[in-house]
Amino acid sequence: MADITRHQSNEKLSRVVVHGGTVYLSGLTADDKSTDTQSQTRQILAKADLLLASVGSDRSKLLLTQIYLRDTAEFDTMNRAWIDWLDGAAPPARITVGADFALPEIRVEILFTAAI
């Protein structure tokens, strides 16, 4: 059985989990939650780049993303940041759904699964 490695863990979650050649990132939110949906999305994607790189992966190896939006009317706004970030990389399987967050200032949360 393949080992499970957990990174950036606390009592409630591990930010990064690696198992069997796959990396799982916890749902990521923006650090500056006072910004709009596009800015929050860009912050999350930059954070994902760093976390993926920390375990030898990158956006070109994405398998699945799950995107949660506070306001689905901002779908196109979020997608502009998403498409810019992909920058020609093959897009992963993806779902985008509306969500009610515990913190009202969160506009976007994204969960990532990638190969290593």
PDB file of N, CA and C in Angstrom:
ATOM      1  N   MET A   1       0.844  -1.183   0.000  1.00  0.00           N
ATOM      2  CA  MET A   1       0.000   0.000   0.000  1.00  0.00           C
ATOM      3  C   MET A   1       0.887   1.243   0.000  1.00  0.00           C
ATOM      4  N   ALA A   2       0.531   2.229  -0.803  1.00  0.00           N
ATOM      5  CA  ALA A   2       1.301   3.468  -0.898  1.00  0.00           C
ATOM      6  C   ALA A   2       1.163   4.281   0.383  1.00  0.00           C
ATOM      7  N   ASP A   3       2.257   4.938   0.735  1.00  0.00           N
ATOM      8  CA  ASP A   3       2.243   5.808   1.906  1.00  0.00           C
ATOM      9  C   ASP A   3       1.372   7.024   1.657  1.00  0.00           C
ATOM     10  N   ILE A   4       0.847   7.555   2.733  1.00  0.00           N
ATOM     11  CA  ILE A   4       0.106   8.812   2.690  1.00  0.00           C
ATOM     12  C   ILE A   4       0.959   9.846   3.402  1.00  0.00           C
ATOM     13  N   THR A   5       1.231  10.957   2.720  1.00  0.00           N
ATOM     14  CA  THR A   5       2.020  12.037   3.302  1.00  0.00           C
ATOM     15  C   THR A   5       1.139  13.266   3.427  1.00  0.00           C
ATOM     16  N   ARG A   6       1.164  13.879   4.597  1.00  0.00           N
ATOM     17  CA  ARG A   6       0.341  15.064   4.860  1.00  0.00           C
ATOM     18  C   ARG A   6       1.252  16.256   5.145  1.00  0.00           C
ATOM     19  N   HIS A   7       0.894  17.395   4.557  1.00  0.00           N
ATOM     20  CA  HIS A   7       1.691  18.621   4.718  1.00  0.00           C
ATOM     21  C   HIS A   7       0.788  19.742   5.216  1.00  0.00           C
ATOM     22  N   GLN A   8       1.393  20.648   5.965  1.00  0.00           N
ATOM     23  CA  GLN A   8       0.687  21.818   6.493  1.00  0.00           C
ATOM     24  C   GLN A   8      -0.589  21.396   7.220  1.00  0.00           C
ATOM     25  N   SER A   9      -0.411  20.509   8.167  1.00  0.00           N
ATOM     26  CA  SER A   9      -1.539  19.966   8.918  1.00  0.00           C
ATOM     27  C   SER A   9      -1.767  20.716  10.215  1.00  0.00           C
ATOM     28  N   ASN A  10      -3.014  20.752  10.614  1.00  0.00           N
ATOM     29  CA  ASN A  10      -3.371  21.246  11.938  1.00  0.00           C
ATOM     30  C   ASN A  10      -4.424  20.304  12.508  1.00  0.00           C
ATOM     31  N   GLU A  11      -5.086  20.694  13.575  1.00  0.00           N
ATOM     32  CA  GLU A  11      -6.047  19.800  14.218  1.00  0.00           C
ATOM     33  C   GLU A  11      -7.293  19.522  13.376  1.00  0.00           C
ATOM     34  N   LYS A  12      -7.546  20.330  12.334  1.00  0.00           N
ATOM     35  CA  LYS A  12      -8.767  20.109  11.552  1.00  0.00           C
ATOM     36  C   LYS A  12      -8.557  19.682  10.109  1.00  0.00           C
ATOM     37  N   LEU A  13      -7.343  19.894   9.538  1.00  0.00           N
ATOM     38  CA  LEU A  13      -7.132  19.504   8.139  1.00  0.00           C
ATOM     39  C   LEU A  13      -5.659  19.462   7.793  1.00  0.00           C
ATOM     40  N   SER A  14      -5.382  18.828   6.670  1.00  0.00           N
ATOM     41  CA  SER A  14      -4.057  18.895   6.047  1.00  0.00           C
ATOM     42  C   SER A  14      -4.237  19.675   4.757  1.00  0.00           C
ATOM     43  N   ARG A  15      -3.453  20.706   4.559  1.00  0.00           N
ATOM     44  CA  ARG A  15      -3.571  21.546   3.357  1.00  0.00           C
ATOM     45  C   ARG A  15      -3.236  20.746   2.106  1.00  0.00           C
ATOM     46  N   VAL A  16      -2.258  19.810   2.226  1.00  0.00           N
ATOM     47  CA  VAL A  16      -1.810  18.999   1.092  1.00  0.00           C
ATOM     48  C   VAL A  16      -1.694  17.545   1.557  1.00  0.00           C
ATOM     49  N   VAL A  17      -2.277  16.630   0.765  1.00  0.00           N
ATOM     50  CA  VAL A  17      -2.148  15.199   1.044  1.00  0.00           C
ATOM     51  C   VAL A  17      -1.669  14.526  -0.239  1.00  0.00           C
ATOM     52  N   VAL A  18      -0.631  13.696  -0.103  1.00  0.00           N
ATOM     53  CA  VAL A  18      -0.081  12.969  -1.250  1.00  0.00           C
ATOM     54  C   VAL A  18      -0.266  11.478  -0.998  1.00  0.00           C
ATOM     55  N   HIS A  19      -0.781  10.799  -2.031  1.00  0.00           N
ATOM     56  CA  HIS A  19      -0.978   9.360  -1.949  1.00  0.00           C
ATOM     57  C   HIS A  19      -0.928   8.762  -3.347  1.00  0.00           C
ATOM     58  N   GLY A  20      -0.096   7.764  -3.532  1.00  0.00           N
ATOM     59  CA  GLY A  20      -0.075   7.016  -4.780  1.00  0.00           C
ATOM     60  C   GLY A  20       0.103   7.854  -6.031  1.00  0.00           C
ATOM     61  N   GLY A  21       0.957   8.837  -6.011  1.00  0.00           N
ATOM     62  CA  GLY A  21       1.202   9.649  -7.201  1.00  0.00           C
ATOM     63  C   GLY A  21       0.155  10.716  -7.464  1.00  0.00           C
ATOM     64  N   THR A  22      -0.711  10.947  -6.482  1.00  0.00           N
ATOM     65  CA  THR A  22      -1.751  11.968  -6.608  1.00  0.00           C
ATOM     66  C   THR A  22      -1.643  12.931  -5.432  1.00  0.00           C
ATOM     67  N   VAL A  23      -1.842  14.206  -5.713  1.00  0.00           N
ATOM     68  CA  VAL A  23      -1.847  15.222  -4.670  1.00  0.00           C
ATOM     69  C   VAL A  23      -3.252  15.808  -4.564  1.00  0.00           C
ATOM     70  N   TYR A  24      -3.687  15.979  -3.340  1.00  0.00           N
ATOM     71  CA  TYR A  24      -4.997  16.544  -3.030  1.00  0.00           C
ATOM     72  C   TYR A  24      -4.769  17.824  -2.233  1.00  0.00           C
ATOM     73  N   LEU A  25      -5.312  18.926  -2.701  1.00  0.00           N
ATOM     74  CA  LEU A  25      -5.232  20.172  -1.962  1.00  0.00           C
ATOM     75  C   LEU A  25      -6.575  20.435  -1.296  1.00  0.00           C
ATOM     76  N   SER A  26      -6.531  20.831  -0.039  1.00  0.00           N
ATOM     77  CA  SER A  26      -7.770  21.226   0.638  1.00  0.00           C
ATOM     78  C   SER A  26      -8.402  22.382  -0.105  1.00  0.00           C
ATOM     79  N   GLY A  27      -9.654  22.642   0.198  1.00  0.00           N
ATOM     80  CA  GLY A  27     -10.307  23.808  -0.382  1.00  0.00           C
ATOM     81  C   GLY A  27      -9.513  25.059  -0.037  1.00  0.00           C
ATOM     82  N   LEU A  28      -9.121  25.805  -1.052  1.00  0.00           N
ATOM     83  CA  LEU A  28      -8.319  27.007  -0.860  1.00  0.00           C
ATOM     84  C   LEU A  28      -9.199  28.243  -0.998  1.00  0.00           C
ATOM     85  N   THR A  29      -8.950  29.216  -0.131  1.00  0.00           N
ATOM     86  CA  THR A  29      -9.624  30.502  -0.215  1.00  0.00           C
ATOM     87  C   THR A  29      -8.570  31.600  -0.291  1.00  0.00           C
ATOM     88  N   ALA A  30      -8.986  32.782  -0.659  1.00  0.00           N
ATOM     89  CA  ALA A  30      -8.074  33.923  -0.776  1.00  0.00           C
ATOM     90  C   ALA A  30      -7.593  34.365   0.599  1.00  0.00           C
ATOM     91  N   ASP A  31      -6.383  34.888   0.639  1.00  0.00           N
ATOM     92  CA  ASP A  31      -5.884  35.471   1.887  1.00  0.00           C
ATOM     93  C   ASP A  31      -6.552  36.818   2.146  1.00  0.00           C
ATOM     94  N   ASP A  32      -6.703  37.628   1.100  1.00  0.00           N
ATOM     95  CA  ASP A  32      -7.383  38.918   1.213  1.00  0.00           C
ATOM     96  C   ASP A  32      -8.823  38.739   0.752  1.00  0.00           C
ATOM     97  N   LYS A  33      -9.694  38.513   1.700  1.00  0.00           N
ATOM     98  CA  LYS A  33     -11.091  38.227   1.389  1.00  0.00           C
ATOM     99  C   LYS A  33     -11.933  39.484   1.200  1.00  0.00           C
ATOM    100  N   SER A  34     -11.298  40.646   1.269  1.00  0.00           N
ATOM    101  CA  SER A  34     -12.032  41.901   1.057  1.00  0.00           C
ATOM    102  C   SER A  34     -12.158  42.231  -0.430  1.00  0.00           C
ATOM    103  N   THR A  35     -11.544  41.426  -1.291  1.00  0.00           N
ATOM    104  CA  THR A  35     -11.514  41.703  -2.727  1.00  0.00           C
ATOM    105  C   THR A  35     -12.676  41.029  -3.453  1.00  0.00           C
ATOM    106  N   ASP A  36     -12.810  41.343  -4.747  1.00  0.00           N
ATOM    107  CA  ASP A  36     -13.895  40.794  -5.557  1.00  0.00           C
ATOM    108  C   ASP A  36     -13.612  39.344  -5.967  1.00  0.00           C
ATOM    109  N   THR A  37     -14.559  38.754  -6.663  1.00  0.00           N
ATOM    110  CA  THR A  37     -14.470  37.341  -7.048  1.00  0.00           C
ATOM    111  C   THR A  37     -13.268  37.062  -7.936  1.00  0.00           C
ATOM    112  N   GLN A  38     -13.007  37.915  -8.911  1.00  0.00           N
ATOM    113  CA  GLN A  38     -11.877  37.673  -9.808  1.00  0.00           C
ATOM    114  C   GLN A  38     -10.552  37.734  -9.043  1.00  0.00           C
ATOM    115  N   SER A  39     -10.410  38.707  -8.170  1.00  0.00           N
ATOM    116  CA  SER A  39      -9.181  38.823  -7.385  1.00  0.00           C
ATOM    117  C   SER A  39      -9.030  37.642  -6.425  1.00  0.00           C
ATOM    118  N   GLN A  40     -10.105  37.248  -5.774  1.00  0.00           N
ATOM    119  CA  GLN A  40     -10.020  36.087  -4.886  1.00  0.00           C
ATOM    120  C   GLN A  40      -9.627  34.841  -5.665  1.00  0.00           C
ATOM    121  N   THR A  41     -10.189  34.684  -6.860  1.00  0.00           N
ATOM    122  CA  THR A  41      -9.841  33.524  -7.689  1.00  0.00           C
ATOM    123  C   THR A  41      -8.361  33.546  -8.034  1.00  0.00           C
ATOM    124  N   ARG A  42      -7.850  34.695  -8.445  1.00  0.00           N
ATOM    125  CA  ARG A  42      -6.418  34.813  -8.777  1.00  0.00           C
ATOM    126  C   ARG A  42      -5.533  34.479  -7.581  1.00  0.00           C
ATOM    127  N   GLN A  43      -5.913  34.945  -6.404  1.00  0.00           N
ATOM    128  CA  GLN A  43      -5.138  34.637  -5.196  1.00  0.00           C
ATOM    129  C   GLN A  43      -5.115  33.132  -4.932  1.00  0.00           C
ATOM    130  N   ILE A  44      -6.259  32.498  -5.077  1.00  0.00           N
ATOM    131  CA  ILE A  44      -6.360  31.047  -4.841  1.00  0.00           C
ATOM    132  C   ILE A  44      -5.489  30.293  -5.835  1.00  0.00           C
ATOM    133  N   LEU A  45      -5.533  30.699  -7.098  1.00  0.00           N
ATOM    134  CA  LEU A  45      -4.762  29.998  -8.125  1.00  0.00           C
ATOM    135  C   LEU A  45      -3.257  30.168  -7.905  1.00  0.00           C
ATOM    136  N   ALA A  46      -2.843  31.338  -7.451  1.00  0.00           N
ATOM    137  CA  ALA A  46      -1.424  31.552  -7.126  1.00  0.00           C
ATOM    138  C   ALA A  46      -1.015  30.668  -5.948  1.00  0.00           C
ATOM    139  N   LYS A  47      -1.885  30.541  -4.977  1.00  0.00           N
ATOM    140  CA  LYS A  47      -1.614  29.674  -3.824  1.00  0.00           C
ATOM    141  C   LYS A  47      -1.515  28.220  -4.274  1.00  0.00           C
ATOM    142  N   ALA A  48      -2.403  27.808  -5.181  1.00  0.00           N
ATOM    143  CA  ALA A  48      -2.371  26.437  -5.694  1.00  0.00           C
ATOM    144  C   ALA A  48      -1.059  26.162  -6.408  1.00  0.00           C
ATOM    145  N   ASP A  49      -0.574  27.126  -7.197  1.00  0.00           N
ATOM    146  CA  ASP A  49       0.722  26.953  -7.873  1.00  0.00           C
ATOM    147  C   ASP A  49       1.816  26.622  -6.866  1.00  0.00           C
ATOM    148  N   LEU A  50       1.875  27.358  -5.777  1.00  0.00           N
ATOM    149  CA  LEU A  50       2.911  27.145  -4.757  1.00  0.00           C
ATOM    150  C   LEU A  50       2.767  25.777  -4.088  1.00  0.00           C
ATOM    151  N   LEU A  51       1.546  25.430  -3.732  1.00  0.00           N
ATOM    152  CA  LEU A  51       1.330  24.145  -3.061  1.00  0.00           C
ATOM    153  C   LEU A  51       1.616  22.971  -3.984  1.00  0.00           C
ATOM    154  N   LEU A  52       1.175  23.061  -5.225  1.00  0.00           N
ATOM    155  CA  LEU A  52       1.465  21.983  -6.177  1.00  0.00           C
ATOM    156  C   LEU A  52       2.975  21.833  -6.377  1.00  0.00           C
ATOM    157  N   ALA A  53       3.674  22.954  -6.549  1.00  0.00           N
ATOM    158  CA  ALA A  53       5.125  22.923  -6.749  1.00  0.00           C
ATOM    159  C   ALA A  53       5.837  22.317  -5.530  1.00  0.00           C
ATOM    160  N   SER A  54       5.288  22.529  -4.345  1.00  0.00           N
ATOM    161  CA  SER A  54       5.936  22.035  -3.128  1.00  0.00           C
ATOM    162  C   SER A  54       6.019  20.506  -3.079  1.00  0.00           C
ATOM    163  N   VAL A  55       5.203  19.827  -3.897  1.00  0.00           N
ATOM    164  CA  VAL A  55       5.232  18.356  -3.933  1.00  0.00           C
ATOM    165  C   VAL A  55       5.555  17.829  -5.327  1.00  0.00           C
ATOM    166  N   GLY A  56       6.093  18.691  -6.181  1.00  0.00           N
ATOM    167  CA  GLY A  56       6.551  18.247  -7.498  1.00  0.00           C
ATOM    168  C   GLY A  56       5.477  18.172  -8.562  1.00  0.00           C
ATOM    169  N   SER A  57       4.424  18.950  -8.429  1.00  0.00           N
ATOM    170  CA  SER A  57       3.361  18.964  -9.429  1.00  0.00           C
ATOM    171  C   SER A  57       3.167  20.390  -9.946  1.00  0.00           C
ATOM    172  N   ASP A  58       2.241  20.560 -10.862  1.00  0.00           N
ATOM    173  CA  ASP A  58       1.916  21.891 -11.375  1.00  0.00           C
ATOM    174  C   ASP A  58       0.554  21.846 -12.060  1.00  0.00           C
ATOM    175  N   ARG A  59       0.087  22.984 -12.520  1.00  0.00           N
ATOM    176  CA  ARG A  59      -1.261  23.083 -13.102  1.00  0.00           C
ATOM    177  C   ARG A  59      -1.450  22.217 -14.343  1.00  0.00           C
ATOM    178  N   SER A  60      -0.374  21.877 -15.040  1.00  0.00           N
ATOM    179  CA  SER A  60      -0.505  21.025 -16.231  1.00  0.00           C
ATOM    180  C   SER A  60      -0.869  19.585 -15.862  1.00  0.00           C
ATOM    181  N   LYS A  61      -0.760  19.256 -14.580  1.00  0.00           N
ATOM    182  CA  LYS A  61      -1.050  17.898 -14.121  1.00  0.00           C
ATOM    183  C   LYS A  61      -2.380  17.804 -13.365  1.00  0.00           C
ATOM    184  N   LEU A  62      -3.181  18.857 -13.442  1.00  0.00           N
ATOM    185  CA  LEU A  62      -4.470  18.829 -12.757  1.00  0.00           C
ATOM    186  C   LEU A  62      -5.365  17.746 -13.320  1.00  0.00           C
ATOM    187  N   LEU A  63      -6.035  17.039 -12.433  1.00  0.00           N
ATOM    188  CA  LEU A  63      -6.981  15.996 -12.817  1.00  0.00           C
ATOM    189  C   LEU A  63      -8.423  16.472 -12.621  1.00  0.00           C
ATOM    190  N   LEU A  64      -8.670  17.139 -11.488  1.00  0.00           N
ATOM    191  CA  LEU A  64     -10.021  17.531 -11.117  1.00  0.00           C
ATOM    192  C   LEU A  64      -9.972  18.783 -10.260  1.00  0.00           C
ATOM    193  N   THR A  65     -10.880  19.702 -10.527  1.00  0.00           N
ATOM    194  CA  THR A  65     -11.070  20.836  -9.622  1.00  0.00           C
ATOM    195  C   THR A  65     -12.554  20.945  -9.295  1.00  0.00           C
ATOM    196  N   GLN A  66     -12.794  21.339  -8.073  1.00  0.00           N
ATOM    197  CA  GLN A  66     -14.153  21.602  -7.615  1.00  0.00           C
ATOM    198  C   GLN A  66     -14.185  23.051  -7.155  1.00  0.00           C
ATOM    199  N   ILE A  67     -15.005  23.855  -7.823  1.00  0.00           N
ATOM    200  CA  ILE A  67     -15.049  25.286  -7.553  1.00  0.00           C
ATOM    201  C   ILE A  67     -16.393  25.619  -6.909  1.00  0.00           C
ATOM    202  N   TYR A  68     -16.321  26.347  -5.805  1.00  0.00           N
ATOM    203  CA  TYR A  68     -17.511  26.758  -5.077  1.00  0.00           C
ATOM    204  C   TYR A  68     -17.594  28.281  -5.134  1.00  0.00           C
ATOM    205  N   LEU A  69     -18.730  28.790  -5.585  1.00  0.00           N
ATOM    206  CA  LEU A  69     -18.949  30.235  -5.719  1.00  0.00           C
ATOM    207  C   LEU A  69     -20.070  30.685  -4.789  1.00  0.00           C
ATOM    208  N   ARG A  70     -19.847  31.785  -4.102  1.00  0.00           N
ATOM    209  CA  ARG A  70     -20.911  32.343  -3.266  1.00  0.00           C
ATOM    210  C   ARG A  70     -22.073  32.807  -4.135  1.00  0.00           C
ATOM    211  N   ASP A  71     -21.740  33.430  -5.274  1.00  0.00           N
ATOM    212  CA  ASP A  71     -22.760  33.968  -6.174  1.00  0.00           C
ATOM    213  C   ASP A  71     -22.524  33.417  -7.579  1.00  0.00           C
ATOM    214  N   THR A  72     -23.368  32.509  -8.027  1.00  0.00           N
ATOM    215  CA  THR A  72     -23.171  31.895  -9.342  1.00  0.00           C
ATOM    216  C   THR A  72     -23.325  32.907 -10.478  1.00  0.00           C
ATOM    217  N   ALA A  73     -23.871  34.079 -10.207  1.00  0.00           N
ATOM    218  CA  ALA A  73     -23.924  35.134 -11.230  1.00  0.00           C
ATOM    219  C   ALA A  73     -22.515  35.626 -11.571  1.00  0.00           C
ATOM    220  N   GLU A  74     -21.530  35.301 -10.740  1.00  0.00           N
ATOM    221  CA  GLU A  74     -20.143  35.702 -10.973  1.00  0.00           C
ATOM    222  C   GLU A  74     -19.330  34.591 -11.653  1.00  0.00           C
ATOM    223  N   PHE A  75     -20.015  33.617 -12.219  1.00  0.00           N
ATOM    224  CA  PHE A  75     -19.371  32.494 -12.906  1.00  0.00           C
ATOM    225  C   PHE A  75     -18.426  32.971 -14.008  1.00  0.00           C
ATOM    226  N   ASP A  76     -18.873  33.877 -14.867  1.00  0.00           N
ATOM    227  CA  ASP A  76     -18.028  34.366 -15.964  1.00  0.00           C
ATOM    228  C   ASP A  76     -16.825  35.138 -15.447  1.00  0.00           C
ATOM    229  N   THR A  77     -17.004  35.902 -14.396  1.00  0.00           N
ATOM    230  CA  THR A  77     -15.902  36.656 -13.792  1.00  0.00           C
ATOM    231  C   THR A  77     -14.834  35.707 -13.265  1.00  0.00           C
ATOM    232  N   MET A  78     -15.261  34.665 -12.552  1.00  0.00           N
ATOM    233  CA  MET A  78     -14.322  33.665 -12.040  1.00  0.00           C
ATOM    234  C   MET A  78     -13.635  32.967 -13.207  1.00  0.00           C
ATOM    235  N   ASN A  79     -14.397  32.636 -14.256  1.00  0.00           N
ATOM    236  CA  ASN A  79     -13.829  31.920 -15.400  1.00  0.00           C
ATOM    237  C   ASN A  79     -12.752  32.720 -16.127  1.00  0.00           C
ATOM    238  N   ARG A  80     -12.860  34.038 -16.152  1.00  0.00           N
ATOM    239  CA  ARG A  80     -11.809  34.847 -16.794  1.00  0.00           C
ATOM    240  C   ARG A  80     -10.465  34.637 -16.088  1.00  0.00           C
ATOM    241  N   ALA A  81     -10.487  34.648 -14.772  1.00  0.00           N
ATOM    242  CA  ALA A  81      -9.253  34.412 -14.012  1.00  0.00           C
ATOM    243  C   ALA A  81      -8.775  32.979 -14.219  1.00  0.00           C
ATOM    244  N   TRP A  82      -9.691  32.034 -14.232  1.00  0.00           N
ATOM    245  CA  TRP A  82      -9.364  30.612 -14.404  1.00  0.00           C
ATOM    246  C   TRP A  82      -8.691  30.358 -15.748  1.00  0.00           C
ATOM    247  N   ILE A  83      -9.290  30.858 -16.824  1.00  0.00           N
ATOM    248  CA  ILE A  83      -8.757  30.630 -18.172  1.00  0.00           C
ATOM    249  C   ILE A  83      -7.399  31.307 -18.336  1.00  0.00           C
ATOM    250  N   ASP A  84      -7.252  32.520 -17.795  1.00  0.00           N
ATOM    251  CA  ASP A  84      -5.948  33.199 -17.829  1.00  0.00           C
ATOM    252  C   ASP A  84      -4.894  32.351 -17.128  1.00  0.00           C
ATOM    253  N   TRP A  85      -5.254  31.804 -15.987  1.00  0.00           N
ATOM    254  CA  TRP A  85      -4.309  31.006 -15.195  1.00  0.00           C
ATOM    255  C   TRP A  85      -3.923  29.718 -15.916  1.00  0.00           C
ATOM    256  N   LEU A  86      -4.887  29.052 -16.546  1.00  0.00           N
ATOM    257  CA  LEU A  86      -4.553  27.823 -17.269  1.00  0.00           C
ATOM    258  C   LEU A  86      -3.528  28.100 -18.369  1.00  0.00           C
ATOM    259  N   ASP A  87      -3.608  29.261 -18.983  1.00  0.00           N
ATOM    260  CA  ASP A  87      -2.613  29.711 -19.951  1.00  0.00           C
ATOM    261  C   ASP A  87      -2.268  28.625 -20.973  1.00  0.00           C
ATOM    262  N   GLY A  88      -3.301  27.987 -21.514  1.00  0.00           N
ATOM    263  CA  GLY A  88      -3.085  26.982 -22.549  1.00  0.00           C
ATOM    264  C   GLY A  88      -2.888  25.566 -22.036  1.00  0.00           C
ATOM    265  N   ALA A  89      -2.728  25.395 -20.722  1.00  0.00           N
ATOM    266  CA  ALA A  89      -2.601  24.040 -20.168  1.00  0.00           C
ATOM    267  C   ALA A  89      -3.919  23.295 -20.382  1.00  0.00           C
ATOM    268  N   ALA A  90      -3.833  21.994 -20.523  1.00  0.00           N
ATOM    269  CA  ALA A  90      -5.041  21.190 -20.696  1.00  0.00           C
ATOM    270  C   ALA A  90      -5.922  21.342 -19.454  1.00  0.00           C
ATOM    271  N   PRO A  91      -7.190  21.681 -19.641  1.00  0.00           N
ATOM    272  CA  PRO A  91      -8.052  21.863 -18.474  1.00  0.00           C
ATOM    273  C   PRO A  91      -8.405  20.529 -17.824  1.00  0.00           C
ATOM    274  N   PRO A  92      -8.548  20.530 -16.504  1.00  0.00           N
ATOM    275  CA  PRO A  92      -8.944  19.310 -15.795  1.00  0.00           C
ATOM    276  C   PRO A  92     -10.450  19.097 -15.888  1.00  0.00           C
ATOM    277  N   ALA A  93     -10.902  17.950 -15.431  1.00  0.00           N
ATOM    278  CA  ALA A  93     -12.324  17.769 -15.171  1.00  0.00           C
ATOM    279  C   ALA A  93     -12.685  18.790 -14.093  1.00  0.00           C
ATOM    280  N   ARG A  94     -13.913  19.327 -14.141  1.00  0.00           N
ATOM    281  CA  ARG A  94     -14.227  20.424 -13.232  1.00  0.00           C
ATOM    282  C   ARG A  94     -15.723  20.496 -12.978  1.00  0.00           C
ATOM    283  N   ILE A  95     -16.050  20.937 -11.789  1.00  0.00           N
ATOM    284  CA  ILE A  95     -17.427  21.265 -11.442  1.00  0.00           C
ATOM    285  C   ILE A  95     -17.402  22.624 -10.759  1.00  0.00           C
ATOM    286  N   THR A  96     -18.428  23.418 -11.011  1.00  0.00           N
ATOM    287  CA  THR A  96     -18.595  24.698 -10.331  1.00  0.00           C
ATOM    288  C   THR A  96     -20.018  24.744  -9.787  1.00  0.00           C
ATOM    289  N   VAL A  97     -20.136  24.988  -8.495  1.00  0.00           N
ATOM    290  CA  VAL A  97     -21.447  25.026  -7.855  1.00  0.00           C
ATOM    291  C   VAL A  97     -21.564  26.241  -6.951  1.00  0.00           C
ATOM    292  N   GLY A  98     -22.781  26.637  -6.689  1.00  0.00           N
ATOM    293  CA  GLY A  98     -23.030  27.692  -5.717  1.00  0.00           C
ATOM    294  C   GLY A  98     -22.863  27.139  -4.314  1.00  0.00           C
ATOM    295  N   ALA A  99     -22.405  27.989  -3.416  1.00  0.00           N
ATOM    296  CA  ALA A  99     -22.156  27.531  -2.043  1.00  0.00           C
ATOM    297  C   ALA A  99     -22.473  28.633  -1.042  1.00  0.00           C
ATOM    298  N   ASP A 100     -22.842  28.205   0.125  1.00  0.00           N
ATOM    299  CA  ASP A 100     -23.077  29.097   1.254  1.00  0.00           C
ATOM    300  C   ASP A 100     -21.916  28.871   2.221  1.00  0.00           C
ATOM    301  N   PHE A 101     -21.031  29.868   2.360  1.00  0.00           N
ATOM    302  CA  PHE A 101     -19.820  29.713   3.167  1.00  0.00           C
ATOM    303  C   PHE A 101     -20.040  30.112   4.620  1.00  0.00           C
ATOM    304  N   ALA A 102     -19.250  29.528   5.498  1.00  0.00           N
ATOM    305  CA  ALA A 102     -19.306  29.871   6.920  1.00  0.00           C
ATOM    306  C   ALA A 102     -18.877  31.320   7.159  1.00  0.00           C
ATOM    307  N   LEU A 103     -17.938  31.807   6.346  1.00  0.00           N
ATOM    308  CA  LEU A 103     -17.498  33.206   6.445  1.00  0.00           C
ATOM    309  C   LEU A 103     -18.084  33.969   5.259  1.00  0.00           C
ATOM    310  N   PRO A 104     -18.880  34.991   5.502  1.00  0.00           N
ATOM    311  CA  PRO A 104     -19.571  35.682   4.402  1.00  0.00           C
ATOM    312  C   PRO A 104     -18.654  36.408   3.430  1.00  0.00           C
ATOM    313  N   GLU A 105     -17.423  36.702   3.821  1.00  0.00           N
ATOM    314  CA  GLU A 105     -16.504  37.407   2.923  1.00  0.00           C
ATOM    315  C   GLU A 105     -15.842  36.480   1.894  1.00  0.00           C
ATOM    316  N   ILE A 106     -15.980  35.178   2.074  1.00  0.00           N
ATOM    317  CA  ILE A 106     -15.448  34.231   1.084  1.00  0.00           C
ATOM    318  C   ILE A 106     -16.363  34.246  -0.131  1.00  0.00           C
ATOM    319  N   ARG A 107     -15.777  34.493  -1.295  1.00  0.00           N
ATOM    320  CA  ARG A 107     -16.532  34.519  -2.545  1.00  0.00           C
ATOM    321  C   ARG A 107     -16.273  33.268  -3.387  1.00  0.00           C
ATOM    322  N   VAL A 108     -15.091  32.643  -3.192  1.00  0.00           N
ATOM    323  CA  VAL A 108     -14.676  31.484  -3.987  1.00  0.00           C
ATOM    324  C   VAL A 108     -13.864  30.545  -3.093  1.00  0.00           C
ATOM    325  N   GLU A 109     -14.060  29.258  -3.291  1.00  0.00           N
ATOM    326  CA  GLU A 109     -13.204  28.237  -2.681  1.00  0.00           C
ATOM    327  C   GLU A 109     -12.976  27.171  -3.750  1.00  0.00           C
ATOM    328  N   ILE A 110     -11.728  26.718  -3.864  1.00  0.00           N
ATOM    329  CA  ILE A 110     -11.404  25.729  -4.904  1.00  0.00           C
ATOM    330  C   ILE A 110     -10.626  24.569  -4.299  1.00  0.00           C
ATOM    331  N   LEU A 111     -11.049  23.361  -4.631  1.00  0.00           N
ATOM    332  CA  LEU A 111     -10.394  22.127  -4.229  1.00  0.00           C
ATOM    333  C   LEU A 111      -9.706  21.553  -5.470  1.00  0.00           C
ATOM    334  N   PHE A 112      -8.472  21.105  -5.323  1.00  0.00           N
ATOM    335  CA  PHE A 112      -7.667  20.622  -6.451  1.00  0.00           C
ATOM    336  C   PHE A 112      -7.214  19.183  -6.223  1.00  0.00           C
ATOM    337  N   THR A 113      -7.199  18.399  -7.312  1.00  0.00           N
ATOM    338  CA  THR A 113      -6.597  17.070  -7.326  1.00  0.00           C
ATOM    339  C   THR A 113      -5.688  17.038  -8.554  1.00  0.00           C
ATOM    340  N   ALA A 114      -4.427  16.581  -8.371  1.00  0.00           N
ATOM    341  CA  ALA A 114      -3.465  16.580  -9.479  1.00  0.00           C
ATOM    342  C   ALA A 114      -2.563  15.355  -9.390  1.00  0.00           C
ATOM    343  N   ALA A 115      -2.010  14.995 -10.526  1.00  0.00           N
ATOM    344  CA  ALA A 115      -0.978  13.965 -10.568  1.00  0.00           C
ATOM    345  C   ALA A 115       0.352  14.595 -10.177  1.00  0.00           C
ATOM    346  N   ILE A 116       1.286  13.750  -9.774  1.00  0.00           N
ATOM    347  CA  ILE A 116       2.637  14.240  -9.445  1.00  0.00           C
ATOM    348  C   ILE A 116       3.572  13.784 -10.552  1.00  0.00           C
TER     349      ILE A 116
END
